[in-house]
């Protein structure tokens, strides 16, 4: 681990990430409610049943990811790379709060 990674998330940074994740969760939950209402309303918005089901599945998956991020934040193990175990810098987490990999591991993952 290099010296830059010895600096970890401040309470202000944790709070900023928590607020961002909570905002995303609220938005996605509202989106899921609207999609389910479309099902009850027999489609709507010109979407096929397959498209609607795909959207519901994707939104449900996003909610699960956000909830996992909030759980990790509460446990104190948020922002740890799943590839190498190093701490992910706040700058990356701020842009991609649900990232699971540092930049180097993400590149390896995308290439492989």
PDB file of N, CA and C in Angstrom:
ATOM      1  N   UNK A   1       0.843  -1.171   0.000  1.00  0.00           N
ATOM      2  CA  UNK A   1       0.000   0.000   0.000  1.00  0.00           C
ATOM      3  C   UNK A   1       0.887   1.233   0.000  1.00  0.00           C
ATOM      4  N   UNK A   2       0.575   2.197  -0.858  1.00  0.00           N
ATOM      5  CA  UNK A   2       1.421   3.374  -0.903  1.00  0.00           C
ATOM      6  C   UNK A   2       0.978   4.425   0.116  1.00  0.00           C
ATOM      7  N   UNK A   3       1.796   5.449   0.303  1.00  0.00           N
ATOM      8  CA  UNK A   3       1.563   6.459   1.326  1.00  0.00           C
ATOM      9  C   UNK A   3       0.248   7.202   1.121  1.00  0.00           C
ATOM     10  N   UNK A   4      -0.143   7.454  -0.124  1.00  0.00           N
ATOM     11  CA  UNK A   4      -1.392   8.168  -0.390  1.00  0.00           C
ATOM     12  C   UNK A   4      -2.597   7.413   0.171  1.00  0.00           C
ATOM     13  N   UNK A   5      -2.513   6.105   0.210  1.00  0.00           N
ATOM     14  CA  UNK A   5      -3.638   5.313   0.685  1.00  0.00           C
ATOM     15  C   UNK A   5      -3.681   5.230   2.209  1.00  0.00           C
ATOM     16  N   UNK A   6      -2.661   5.747   2.902  1.00  0.00           N
ATOM     17  CA  UNK A   6      -2.706   5.783   4.351  1.00  0.00           C
ATOM     18  C   UNK A   6      -3.725   6.805   4.838  1.00  0.00           C
ATOM     19  N   UNK A   7      -4.048   7.788   3.991  1.00  0.00           N
ATOM     20  CA  UNK A   7      -5.054   8.782   4.323  1.00  0.00           C
ATOM     21  C   UNK A   7      -6.401   8.166   3.970  1.00  0.00           C
ATOM     22  N   UNK A   8      -7.296   8.072   4.942  1.00  0.00           N
ATOM     23  CA  UNK A   8      -8.570   7.415   4.701  1.00  0.00           C
ATOM     24  C   UNK A   8      -9.695   8.419   4.720  1.00  0.00           C
ATOM     25  N   UNK A   9     -10.875   7.981   4.680  1.00  0.00           N
ATOM     26  CA  UNK A   9     -12.026   8.853   4.565  1.00  0.00           C
ATOM     27  C   UNK A   9     -12.306   9.592   5.871  1.00  0.00           C
ATOM     28  N   UNK A  10     -12.481  10.902   5.766  1.00  0.00           N
ATOM     29  CA  UNK A  10     -12.846  11.706   6.931  1.00  0.00           C
ATOM     30  C   UNK A  10     -14.335  11.533   7.200  1.00  0.00           C
ATOM     31  N   UNK A  11     -14.783  11.981   8.341  1.00  0.00           N
ATOM     32  CA  UNK A  11     -16.208  11.888   8.667  1.00  0.00           C
ATOM     33  C   UNK A  11     -17.041  12.717   7.685  1.00  0.00           C
ATOM     34  N   UNK A  12     -16.500  13.831   7.221  1.00  0.00           N
ATOM     35  CA  UNK A  12     -17.197  14.664   6.234  1.00  0.00           C
ATOM     36  C   UNK A  12     -17.327  13.899   4.909  1.00  0.00           C
ATOM     37  N   UNK A  13     -16.271  13.214   4.496  1.00  0.00           N
ATOM     38  CA  UNK A  13     -16.309  12.436   3.254  1.00  0.00           C
ATOM     39  C   UNK A  13     -17.291  11.270   3.375  1.00  0.00           C
ATOM     40  N   UNK A  14     -17.278  10.602   4.512  1.00  0.00           N
ATOM     41  CA  UNK A  14     -18.215   9.493   4.738  1.00  0.00           C
ATOM     42  C   UNK A  14     -19.652  10.006   4.671  1.00  0.00           C
ATOM     43  N   UNK A  15     -19.901  11.139   5.301  1.00  0.00           N
ATOM     44  CA  UNK A  15     -21.243  11.717   5.285  1.00  0.00           C
ATOM     45  C   UNK A  15     -21.665  12.094   3.868  1.00  0.00           C
ATOM     46  N   UNK A  16     -20.744  12.655   3.089  1.00  0.00           N
ATOM     47  CA  UNK A  16     -21.052  13.019   1.702  1.00  0.00           C
ATOM     48  C   UNK A  16     -21.416  11.779   0.885  1.00  0.00           C
ATOM     49  N   UNK A  17     -20.670  10.709   1.076  1.00  0.00           N
ATOM     50  CA  UNK A  17     -20.952   9.469   0.347  1.00  0.00           C
ATOM     51  C   UNK A  17     -22.281   8.884   0.814  1.00  0.00           C
ATOM     52  N   UNK A  18     -22.513   8.885   2.120  1.00  0.00           N
ATOM     53  CA  UNK A  18     -23.775   8.367   2.662  1.00  0.00           C
ATOM     54  C   UNK A  18     -24.960   9.144   2.065  1.00  0.00           C
ATOM     55  N   UNK A  19     -24.864  10.463   2.041  1.00  0.00           N
ATOM     56  CA  UNK A  19     -25.951  11.277   1.483  1.00  0.00           C
ATOM     57  C   UNK A  19     -26.168  10.979   0.004  1.00  0.00           C
ATOM     58  N   UNK A  20     -25.081  10.830  -0.743  1.00  0.00           N
ATOM     59  CA  UNK A  20     -25.192  10.504  -2.172  1.00  0.00           C
ATOM     60  C   UNK A  20     -25.879   9.148  -2.358  1.00  0.00           C
ATOM     61  N   UNK A  21     -25.470   8.150  -1.586  1.00  0.00           N
ATOM     62  CA  UNK A  21     -26.074   6.823  -1.703  1.00  0.00           C
ATOM     63  C   UNK A  21     -27.541   6.845  -1.288  1.00  0.00           C
ATOM     64  N   UNK A  22     -27.869   7.575  -0.241  1.00  0.00           N
ATOM     65  CA  UNK A  22     -29.264   7.669   0.196  1.00  0.00           C
ATOM     66  C   UNK A  22     -30.120   8.365  -0.864  1.00  0.00           C
ATOM     67  N   UNK A  23     -29.563   9.390  -1.497  1.00  0.00           N
ATOM     68  CA  UNK A  23     -30.270  10.081  -2.580  1.00  0.00           C
ATOM     69  C   UNK A  23     -30.509   9.140  -3.759  1.00  0.00           C
ATOM     70  N   UNK A  24     -29.478   8.362  -4.119  1.00  0.00           N
ATOM     71  CA  UNK A  24     -29.628   7.389  -5.204  1.00  0.00           C
ATOM     72  C   UNK A  24     -30.673   6.336  -4.848  1.00  0.00           C
ATOM     73  N   UNK A  25     -30.665   5.894  -3.583  1.00  0.00           N
ATOM     74  CA  UNK A  25     -31.628   4.883  -3.142  1.00  0.00           C
ATOM     75  C   UNK A  25     -33.050   5.417  -3.235  1.00  0.00           C
ATOM     76  N   UNK A  26     -33.252   6.638  -2.807  1.00  0.00           N
ATOM     77  CA  UNK A  26     -34.573   7.256  -2.881  1.00  0.00           C
ATOM     78  C   UNK A  26     -35.041   7.358  -4.334  1.00  0.00           C
ATOM     79  N   UNK A  27     -34.141   7.811  -5.221  1.00  0.00           N
ATOM     80  CA  UNK A  27     -34.489   7.947  -6.628  1.00  0.00           C
ATOM     81  C   UNK A  27     -34.814   6.585  -7.253  1.00  0.00           C
ATOM     82  N   UNK A  28     -33.977   5.586  -6.981  1.00  0.00           N
ATOM     83  CA  UNK A  28     -34.198   4.251  -7.562  1.00  0.00           C
ATOM     84  C   UNK A  28     -35.468   3.604  -7.019  1.00  0.00           C
ATOM     85  N   UNK A  29     -35.759   3.820  -5.741  1.00  0.00           N
ATOM     86  CA  UNK A  29     -36.977   3.263  -5.153  1.00  0.00           C
ATOM     87  C   UNK A  29     -38.205   3.887  -5.811  1.00  0.00           C
ATOM     88  N   UNK A  30     -38.156   5.196  -6.041  1.00  0.00           N
ATOM     89  CA  UNK A  30     -39.248   5.885  -6.730  1.00  0.00           C
ATOM     90  C   UNK A  30     -39.384   5.353  -8.162  1.00  0.00           C
ATOM     91  N   UNK A  31     -38.252   5.147  -8.815  1.00  0.00           N
ATOM     92  CA  UNK A  31     -38.249   4.604 -10.182  1.00  0.00           C
ATOM     93  C   UNK A  31     -38.892   3.216 -10.200  1.00  0.00           C
ATOM     94  N   UNK A  32     -38.541   2.373  -9.210  1.00  0.00           N
ATOM     95  CA  UNK A  32     -39.106   1.027  -9.144  1.00  0.00           C
ATOM     96  C   UNK A  32     -40.615   1.077  -8.914  1.00  0.00           C
ATOM     97  N   UNK A  33     -41.048   1.972  -8.038  1.00  0.00           N
ATOM     98  CA  UNK A  33     -42.490   2.131  -7.793  1.00  0.00           C
ATOM     99  C   UNK A  33     -43.213   2.518  -9.078  1.00  0.00           C
ATOM    100  N   UNK A  34     -42.633   3.441  -9.838  1.00  0.00           N
ATOM    101  CA  UNK A  34     -43.243   3.866 -11.103  1.00  0.00           C
ATOM    102  C   UNK A  34     -43.291   2.735 -12.119  1.00  0.00           C
ATOM    103  N   UNK A  35     -42.228   1.944 -12.180  1.00  0.00           N
ATOM    104  CA  UNK A  35     -42.212   0.809 -13.104  1.00  0.00           C
ATOM    105  C   UNK A  35     -43.262  -0.225 -12.717  1.00  0.00           C
ATOM    106  N   UNK A  36     -43.378  -0.484 -11.427  1.00  0.00           N
ATOM    107  CA  UNK A  36     -44.390  -1.447 -10.980  1.00  0.00           C
ATOM    108  C   UNK A  36     -45.796  -0.925 -11.249  1.00  0.00           C
ATOM    109  N   UNK A  37     -45.986   0.378 -11.116  1.00  0.00           N
ATOM    110  CA  UNK A  37     -47.282   0.971 -11.443  1.00  0.00           C
ATOM    111  C   UNK A  37     -47.588   0.809 -12.928  1.00  0.00           C
ATOM    112  N   UNK A  38     -46.556   0.862 -13.768  1.00  0.00           N
ATOM    113  CA  UNK A  38     -46.741   0.651 -15.206  1.00  0.00           C
ATOM    114  C   UNK A  38     -47.217  -0.766 -15.484  1.00  0.00           C
ATOM    115  N   UNK A  39     -46.705  -1.725 -14.699  1.00  0.00           N
ATOM    116  CA  UNK A  39     -47.145  -3.111 -14.859  1.00  0.00           C
ATOM    117  C   UNK A  39     -48.626  -3.207 -14.504  1.00  0.00           C
ATOM    118  N   UNK A  40     -48.995  -2.610 -13.385  1.00  0.00           N
ATOM    119  CA  UNK A  40     -50.394  -2.638 -12.954  1.00  0.00           C
ATOM    120  C   UNK A  40     -51.301  -1.915 -13.938  1.00  0.00           C
ATOM    121  N   UNK A  41     -50.749  -0.905 -14.608  1.00  0.00           N
ATOM    122  CA  UNK A  41     -51.516  -0.135 -15.589  1.00  0.00           C
ATOM    123  C   UNK A  41     -51.458  -0.743 -16.979  1.00  0.00           C
ATOM    124  N   UNK A  42     -51.028  -1.989 -17.090  1.00  0.00           N
ATOM    125  CA  UNK A  42     -50.968  -2.727 -18.360  1.00  0.00           C
ATOM    126  C   UNK A  42     -50.004  -2.101 -19.360  1.00  0.00           C
ATOM    127  N   UNK A  43     -48.808  -1.837 -18.900  1.00  0.00           N
ATOM    128  CA  UNK A  43     -47.770  -1.378 -19.821  1.00  0.00           C
ATOM    129  C   UNK A  43     -47.487   0.089 -19.677  1.00  0.00           C
ATOM    130  N   UNK A  44     -48.016   0.883 -20.542  1.00  0.00           N
ATOM    131  CA  UNK A  44     -47.792   2.316 -20.483  1.00  0.00           C
ATOM    132  C   UNK A  44     -46.479   2.698 -21.117  1.00  0.00           C
ATOM    133  N   UNK A  45     -46.343   3.947 -21.464  1.00  0.00           N
ATOM    134  CA  UNK A  45     -45.126   4.531 -22.030  1.00  0.00           C
ATOM    135  C   UNK A  45     -44.601   3.773 -23.246  1.00  0.00           C
ATOM    136  N   UNK A  46     -45.404   2.929 -23.834  1.00  0.00           N
ATOM    137  CA  UNK A  46     -44.995   2.244 -25.043  1.00  0.00           C
ATOM    138  C   UNK A  46     -43.925   1.164 -24.850  1.00  0.00           C
ATOM    139  N   UNK A  47     -43.698   0.757 -23.615  1.00  0.00           N
ATOM    140  CA  UNK A  47     -42.693  -0.272 -23.365  1.00  0.00           C
ATOM    141  C   UNK A  47     -43.312  -1.658 -23.525  1.00  0.00           C
ATOM    142  N   UNK A  48     -42.548  -2.568 -24.089  1.00  0.00           N
ATOM    143  CA  UNK A  48     -43.006  -3.952 -24.156  1.00  0.00           C
ATOM    144  C   UNK A  48     -42.875  -4.564 -22.767  1.00  0.00           C
ATOM    145  N   UNK A  49     -43.544  -5.659 -22.556  1.00  0.00           N
ATOM    146  CA  UNK A  49     -43.450  -6.338 -21.253  1.00  0.00           C
ATOM    147  C   UNK A  49     -42.015  -6.759 -20.973  1.00  0.00           C
ATOM    148  N   UNK A  50     -41.310  -7.186 -22.007  1.00  0.00           N
ATOM    149  CA  UNK A  50     -39.925  -7.596 -21.831  1.00  0.00           C
ATOM    150  C   UNK A  50     -39.054  -6.416 -21.399  1.00  0.00           C
ATOM    151  N   UNK A  51     -39.262  -5.266 -22.035  1.00  0.00           N
ATOM    152  CA  UNK A  51     -38.504  -4.062 -21.665  1.00  0.00           C
ATOM    153  C   UNK A  51     -38.829  -3.631 -20.243  1.00  0.00           C
ATOM    154  N   UNK A  52     -40.095  -3.683 -19.912  1.00  0.00           N
ATOM    155  CA  UNK A  52     -40.533  -3.298 -18.574  1.00  0.00           C
ATOM    156  C   UNK A  52     -39.933  -4.231 -17.520  1.00  0.00           C
ATOM    157  N   UNK A  53     -39.965  -5.515 -17.787  1.00  0.00           N
ATOM    158  CA  UNK A  53     -39.384  -6.487 -16.865  1.00  0.00           C
ATOM    159  C   UNK A  53     -37.870  -6.284 -16.736  1.00  0.00           C
ATOM    160  N   UNK A  54     -37.202  -5.996 -17.846  1.00  0.00           N
ATOM    161  CA  UNK A  54     -35.758  -5.735 -17.813  1.00  0.00           C
ATOM    162  C   UNK A  54     -35.448  -4.481 -16.993  1.00  0.00           C
ATOM    163  N   UNK A  55     -36.265  -3.441 -17.160  1.00  0.00           N
ATOM    164  CA  UNK A  55     -36.075  -2.214 -16.386  1.00  0.00           C
ATOM    165  C   UNK A  55     -36.291  -2.457 -14.898  1.00  0.00           C
ATOM    166  N   UNK A  56     -37.324  -3.233 -14.553  1.00  0.00           N
ATOM    167  CA  UNK A  56     -37.591  -3.547 -13.150  1.00  0.00           C
ATOM    168  C   UNK A  56     -36.430  -4.334 -12.559  1.00  0.00           C
ATOM    169  N   UNK A  57     -35.930  -5.311 -13.298  1.00  0.00           N
ATOM    170  CA  UNK A  57     -34.809  -6.124 -12.828  1.00  0.00           C
ATOM    171  C   UNK A  57     -33.563  -5.277 -12.620  1.00  0.00           C
ATOM    172  N   UNK A  58     -33.262  -4.413 -13.580  1.00  0.00           N
ATOM    173  CA  UNK A  58     -32.083  -3.548 -13.473  1.00  0.00           C
ATOM    174  C   UNK A  58     -32.213  -2.577 -12.299  1.00  0.00           C
ATOM    175  N   UNK A  59     -33.384  -2.029 -12.107  1.00  0.00           N
ATOM    176  CA  UNK A  59     -33.603  -1.089 -11.006  1.00  0.00           C
ATOM    177  C   UNK A  59     -33.517  -1.802  -9.671  1.00  0.00           C
ATOM    178  N   UNK A  60     -34.081  -2.992  -9.599  1.00  0.00           N
ATOM    179  CA  UNK A  60     -34.002  -3.788  -8.372  1.00  0.00           C
ATOM    180  C   UNK A  60     -32.550  -4.129  -8.046  1.00  0.00           C
ATOM    181  N   UNK A  61     -31.768  -4.459  -9.060  1.00  0.00           N
ATOM    182  CA  UNK A  61     -30.344  -4.753  -8.881  1.00  0.00           C
ATOM    183  C   UNK A  61     -29.592  -3.513  -8.387  1.00  0.00           C
ATOM    184  N   UNK A  62     -29.928  -2.353  -8.951  1.00  0.00           N
ATOM    185  CA  UNK A  62     -29.289  -1.099  -8.527  1.00  0.00           C
ATOM    186  C   UNK A  62     -29.606  -0.801  -7.067  1.00  0.00           C
ATOM    187  N   UNK A  63     -30.851  -1.043  -6.659  1.00  0.00           N
ATOM    188  CA  UNK A  63     -31.245  -0.831  -5.258  1.00  0.00           C
ATOM    189  C   UNK A  63     -30.446  -1.749  -4.345  1.00  0.00           C
ATOM    190  N   UNK A  64     -30.263  -2.996  -4.752  1.00  0.00           N
ATOM    191  CA  UNK A  64     -29.480  -3.938  -3.949  1.00  0.00           C
ATOM    192  C   UNK A  64     -28.022  -3.476  -3.822  1.00  0.00           C
ATOM    193  N   UNK A  65     -27.448  -2.972  -4.913  1.00  0.00           N
ATOM    194  CA  UNK A  65     -26.066  -2.462  -4.870  1.00  0.00           C
ATOM    195  C   UNK A  65     -25.935  -1.259  -3.947  1.00  0.00           C
ATOM    196  N   UNK A  66     -26.893  -0.349  -4.027  1.00  0.00           N
ATOM    197  CA  UNK A  66     -26.858   0.843  -3.184  1.00  0.00           C
ATOM    198  C   UNK A  66     -27.005   0.451  -1.715  1.00  0.00           C
ATOM    199  N   UNK A  67     -27.931  -0.457  -1.441  1.00  0.00           N
ATOM    200  CA  UNK A  67     -28.136  -0.931  -0.066  1.00  0.00           C
ATOM    201  C   UNK A  67     -26.871  -1.596   0.462  1.00  0.00           C
ATOM    202  N   UNK A  68     -26.210  -2.391  -0.375  1.00  0.00           N
ATOM    203  CA  UNK A  68     -24.949  -3.022   0.016  1.00  0.00           C
ATOM    204  C   UNK A  68     -23.890  -1.966   0.317  1.00  0.00           C
ATOM    205  N   UNK A  69     -23.823  -0.919  -0.505  1.00  0.00           N
ATOM    206  CA  UNK A  69     -22.880   0.170  -0.266  1.00  0.00           C
ATOM    207  C   UNK A  69     -23.134   0.853   1.060  1.00  0.00           C
ATOM    208  N   UNK A  70     -24.414   1.110   1.375  1.00  0.00           N
ATOM    209  CA  UNK A  70     -24.759   1.726   2.662  1.00  0.00           C
ATOM    210  C   UNK A  70     -24.416   0.797   3.829  1.00  0.00           C
ATOM    211  N   UNK A  71     -24.662  -0.509   3.658  1.00  0.00           N
ATOM    212  CA  UNK A  71     -24.302  -1.483   4.697  1.00  0.00           C
ATOM    213  C   UNK A  71     -22.785  -1.513   4.911  1.00  0.00           C
ATOM    214  N   UNK A  72     -22.029  -1.508   3.816  1.00  0.00           N
ATOM    215  CA  UNK A  72     -20.569  -1.498   3.916  1.00  0.00           C
ATOM    216  C   UNK A  72     -20.084  -0.234   4.620  1.00  0.00           C
ATOM    217  N   UNK A  73     -20.709   0.877   4.310  1.00  0.00           N
ATOM    218  CA  UNK A  73     -20.351   2.148   4.935  1.00  0.00           C
ATOM    219  C   UNK A  73     -20.603   2.083   6.445  1.00  0.00           C
ATOM    220  N   UNK A  74     -21.737   1.523   6.830  1.00  0.00           N
ATOM    221  CA  UNK A  74     -22.080   1.394   8.249  1.00  0.00           C
ATOM    222  C   UNK A  74     -21.112   0.461   8.985  1.00  0.00           C
ATOM    223  N   UNK A  75     -20.652  -0.592   8.310  1.00  0.00           N
ATOM    224  CA  UNK A  75     -19.711  -1.553   8.914  1.00  0.00           C
ATOM    225  C   UNK A  75     -18.282  -1.045   8.937  1.00  0.00           C
ATOM    226  N   UNK A  76     -18.005  -0.039   8.109  1.00  0.00           N
ATOM    227  CA  UNK A  76     -16.652   0.494   8.045  1.00  0.00           C
ATOM    228  C   UNK A  76     -15.755  -0.188   7.030  1.00  0.00           C
ATOM    229  N   UNK A  77     -16.325  -1.021   6.168  1.00  0.00           N
ATOM    230  CA  UNK A  77     -15.496  -1.668   5.148  1.00  0.00           C
ATOM    231  C   UNK A  77     -15.847  -1.190   3.740  1.00  0.00           C
ATOM    232  N   UNK A  78     -16.419  -0.009   3.654  1.00  0.00           N
ATOM    233  CA  UNK A  78     -16.738   0.613   2.375  1.00  0.00           C
ATOM    234  C   UNK A  78     -15.459   1.163   1.756  1.00  0.00           C
ATOM    235  N   UNK A  79     -15.351   1.077   0.438  1.00  0.00           N
ATOM    236  CA  UNK A  79     -14.229   1.685  -0.264  1.00  0.00           C
ATOM    237  C   UNK A  79     -12.970   0.848  -0.289  1.00  0.00           C
ATOM    238  N   UNK A  80     -13.118  -0.462  -0.074  1.00  0.00           N
ATOM    239  CA  UNK A  80     -11.976  -1.369  -0.142  1.00  0.00           C
ATOM    240  C   UNK A  80     -12.081  -2.142  -1.452  1.00  0.00           C
ATOM    241  N   UNK A  81     -11.010  -2.129  -2.229  1.00  0.00           N
ATOM    242  CA  UNK A  81     -10.993  -2.787  -3.535  1.00  0.00           C
ATOM    243  C   UNK A  81     -11.173  -4.296  -3.373  1.00  0.00           C
ATOM    244  N   UNK A  82     -12.107  -4.855  -4.141  1.00  0.00           N
ATOM    245  CA  UNK A  82     -12.329  -6.295  -4.092  1.00  0.00           C
ATOM    246  C   UNK A  82     -11.214  -7.063  -4.801  1.00  0.00           C
ATOM    247  N   UNK A  83     -10.475  -6.374  -5.657  1.00  0.00           N
ATOM    248  CA  UNK A  83      -9.393  -7.032  -6.387  1.00  0.00           C
ATOM    249  C   UNK A  83      -8.121  -7.183  -5.580  1.00  0.00           C
ATOM    250  N   UNK A  84      -7.677  -6.081  -4.965  1.00  0.00           N
ATOM    251  CA  UNK A  84      -6.372  -6.115  -4.278  1.00  0.00           C
ATOM    252  C   UNK A  84      -6.459  -5.788  -2.789  1.00  0.00           C
ATOM    253  N   UNK A  85      -7.630  -5.351  -2.325  1.00  0.00           N
ATOM    254  CA  UNK A  85      -7.805  -5.062  -0.909  1.00  0.00           C
ATOM    255  C   UNK A  85      -7.316  -3.691  -0.467  1.00  0.00           C
ATOM    256  N   UNK A  86      -6.842  -2.880  -1.421  1.00  0.00           N
ATOM    257  CA  UNK A  86      -6.367  -1.539  -1.050  1.00  0.00           C
ATOM    258  C   UNK A  86      -7.563  -0.601  -0.898  1.00  0.00           C
ATOM    259  N   UNK A  87      -7.317   0.514  -0.255  1.00  0.00           N
ATOM    260  CA  UNK A  87      -8.366   1.521  -0.079  1.00  0.00           C
ATOM    261  C   UNK A  87      -8.535   2.321  -1.362  1.00  0.00           C
ATOM    262  N   UNK A  88      -9.772   2.503  -1.747  1.00  0.00           N
ATOM    263  CA  UNK A  88     -10.069   3.264  -2.958  1.00  0.00           C
ATOM    264  C   UNK A  88     -10.083   4.743  -2.576  1.00  0.00           C
ATOM    265  N   UNK A  89      -9.354   5.586  -3.299  1.00  0.00           N
ATOM    266  CA  UNK A  89      -9.304   7.013  -2.964  1.00  0.00           C
ATOM    267  C   UNK A  89     -10.679   7.679  -3.022  1.00  0.00           C
ATOM    268  N   UNK A  90     -10.886   8.650  -2.152  1.00  0.00           N
ATOM    269  CA  UNK A  90     -12.153   9.374  -2.084  1.00  0.00           C
ATOM    270  C   UNK A  90     -12.525   9.980  -3.423  1.00  0.00           C
ATOM    271  N   UNK A  91     -11.552  10.500  -4.163  1.00  0.00           N
ATOM    272  CA  UNK A  91     -11.841  11.131  -5.453  1.00  0.00           C
ATOM    273  C   UNK A  91     -12.555  10.158  -6.380  1.00  0.00           C
ATOM    274  N   UNK A  92     -12.154   8.900  -6.362  1.00  0.00           N
ATOM    275  CA  UNK A  92     -12.810   7.887  -7.191  1.00  0.00           C
ATOM    276  C   UNK A  92     -14.186   7.544  -6.622  1.00  0.00           C
ATOM    277  N   UNK A  93     -14.280   7.421  -5.310  1.00  0.00           N
ATOM    278  CA  UNK A  93     -15.550   7.090  -4.677  1.00  0.00           C
ATOM    279  C   UNK A  93     -16.576   8.209  -4.869  1.00  0.00           C
ATOM    280  N   UNK A  94     -16.098   9.441  -4.889  1.00  0.00           N
ATOM    281  CA  UNK A  94     -16.995  10.585  -5.071  1.00  0.00           C
ATOM    282  C   UNK A  94     -17.641  10.534  -6.456  1.00  0.00           C
ATOM    283  N   UNK A  95     -16.862  10.140  -7.454  1.00  0.00           N
ATOM    284  CA  UNK A  95     -17.362  10.056  -8.829  1.00  0.00           C
ATOM    285  C   UNK A  95     -18.180   8.783  -9.034  1.00  0.00           C
ATOM    286  N   UNK A  96     -17.718   7.698  -8.430  1.00  0.00           N
ATOM    287  CA  UNK A  96     -18.380   6.393  -8.575  1.00  0.00           C
ATOM    288  C   UNK A  96     -18.576   5.776  -7.197  1.00  0.00           C
ATOM    289  N   UNK A  97     -19.602   6.202  -6.460  1.00  0.00           N
ATOM    290  CA  UNK A  97     -19.754   5.743  -5.080  1.00  0.00           C
ATOM    291  C   UNK A  97     -19.999   4.243  -4.925  1.00  0.00           C
ATOM    292  N   UNK A  98     -20.385   3.569  -5.994  1.00  0.00           N
ATOM    293  CA  UNK A  98     -20.628   2.137  -5.903  1.00  0.00           C
ATOM    294  C   UNK A  98     -19.497   1.294  -6.479  1.00  0.00           C
ATOM    295  N   UNK A  99     -18.380   1.945  -6.809  1.00  0.00           N
ATOM    296  CA  UNK A  99     -17.269   1.185  -7.378  1.00  0.00           C
ATOM    297  C   UNK A  99     -16.759   0.154  -6.370  1.00  0.00           C
ATOM    298  N   UNK A 100     -16.325  -0.965  -6.879  1.00  0.00           N
ATOM    299  CA  UNK A 100     -15.790  -2.024  -6.024  1.00  0.00           C
ATOM    300  C   UNK A 100     -14.295  -2.222  -6.240  1.00  0.00           C
ATOM    301  N   UNK A 101     -13.755  -1.488  -7.216  1.00  0.00           N
ATOM    302  CA  UNK A 101     -12.352  -1.697  -7.575  1.00  0.00           C
ATOM    303  C   UNK A 101     -11.586  -0.389  -7.651  1.00  0.00           C
ATOM    304  N   UNK A 102     -10.312  -0.455  -7.330  1.00  0.00           N
ATOM    305  CA  UNK A 102      -9.428   0.679  -7.572  1.00  0.00           C
ATOM    306  C   UNK A 102      -9.233   0.788  -9.091  1.00  0.00           C
ATOM    307  N   UNK A 103      -8.620   1.844  -9.541  1.00  0.00           N
ATOM    308  CA  UNK A 103      -8.458   2.074 -10.986  1.00  0.00           C
ATOM    309  C   UNK A 103      -7.658   0.935 -11.629  1.00  0.00           C
ATOM    310  N   UNK A 104      -6.564   0.532 -10.993  1.00  0.00           N
ATOM    311  CA  UNK A 104      -5.706  -0.513 -11.578  1.00  0.00           C
ATOM    312  C   UNK A 104      -6.470  -1.835 -11.715  1.00  0.00           C
ATOM    313  N   UNK A 105      -7.195  -2.247 -10.684  1.00  0.00           N
ATOM    314  CA  UNK A 105      -7.948  -3.507 -10.749  1.00  0.00           C
ATOM    315  C   UNK A 105      -9.113  -3.403 -11.735  1.00  0.00           C
ATOM    316  N   UNK A 106      -9.728  -2.239 -11.828  1.00  0.00           N
ATOM    317  CA  UNK A 106     -10.818  -2.043 -12.786  1.00  0.00           C
ATOM    318  C   UNK A 106     -10.296  -2.194 -14.213  1.00  0.00           C
ATOM    319  N   UNK A 107      -9.126  -1.626 -14.477  1.00  0.00           N
ATOM    320  CA  UNK A 107      -8.527  -1.766 -15.813  1.00  0.00           C
ATOM    321  C   UNK A 107      -8.239  -3.231 -16.125  1.00  0.00           C
ATOM    322  N   UNK A 108      -7.668  -3.940 -15.162  1.00  0.00           N
ATOM    323  CA  UNK A 108      -7.387  -5.370 -15.369  1.00  0.00           C
ATOM    324  C   UNK A 108      -8.689  -6.140 -15.625  1.00  0.00           C
ATOM    325  N   UNK A 109      -9.715  -5.801 -14.877  1.00  0.00           N
ATOM    326  CA  UNK A 109     -11.016  -6.471 -15.020  1.00  0.00           C
ATOM    327  C   UNK A 109     -11.590  -6.222 -16.417  1.00  0.00           C
ATOM    328  N   UNK A 110     -11.502  -4.986 -16.897  1.00  0.00           N
ATOM    329  CA  UNK A 110     -12.050  -4.640 -18.206  1.00  0.00           C
ATOM    330  C   UNK A 110     -11.262  -5.263 -19.345  1.00  0.00           C
ATOM    331  N   UNK A 111      -9.958  -5.468 -19.135  1.00  0.00           N
ATOM    332  CA  UNK A 111      -9.125  -6.048 -20.192  1.00  0.00           C
ATOM    333  C   UNK A 111      -9.257  -7.568 -20.240  1.00  0.00           C
ATOM    334  N   UNK A 112      -9.592  -8.170 -19.133  1.00  0.00           N
ATOM    335  CA  UNK A 112      -9.621  -9.631 -19.052  1.00  0.00           C
ATOM    336  C   UNK A 112     -10.960 -10.170 -19.241  1.00  0.00           C
TER     337      UNK A 112
END
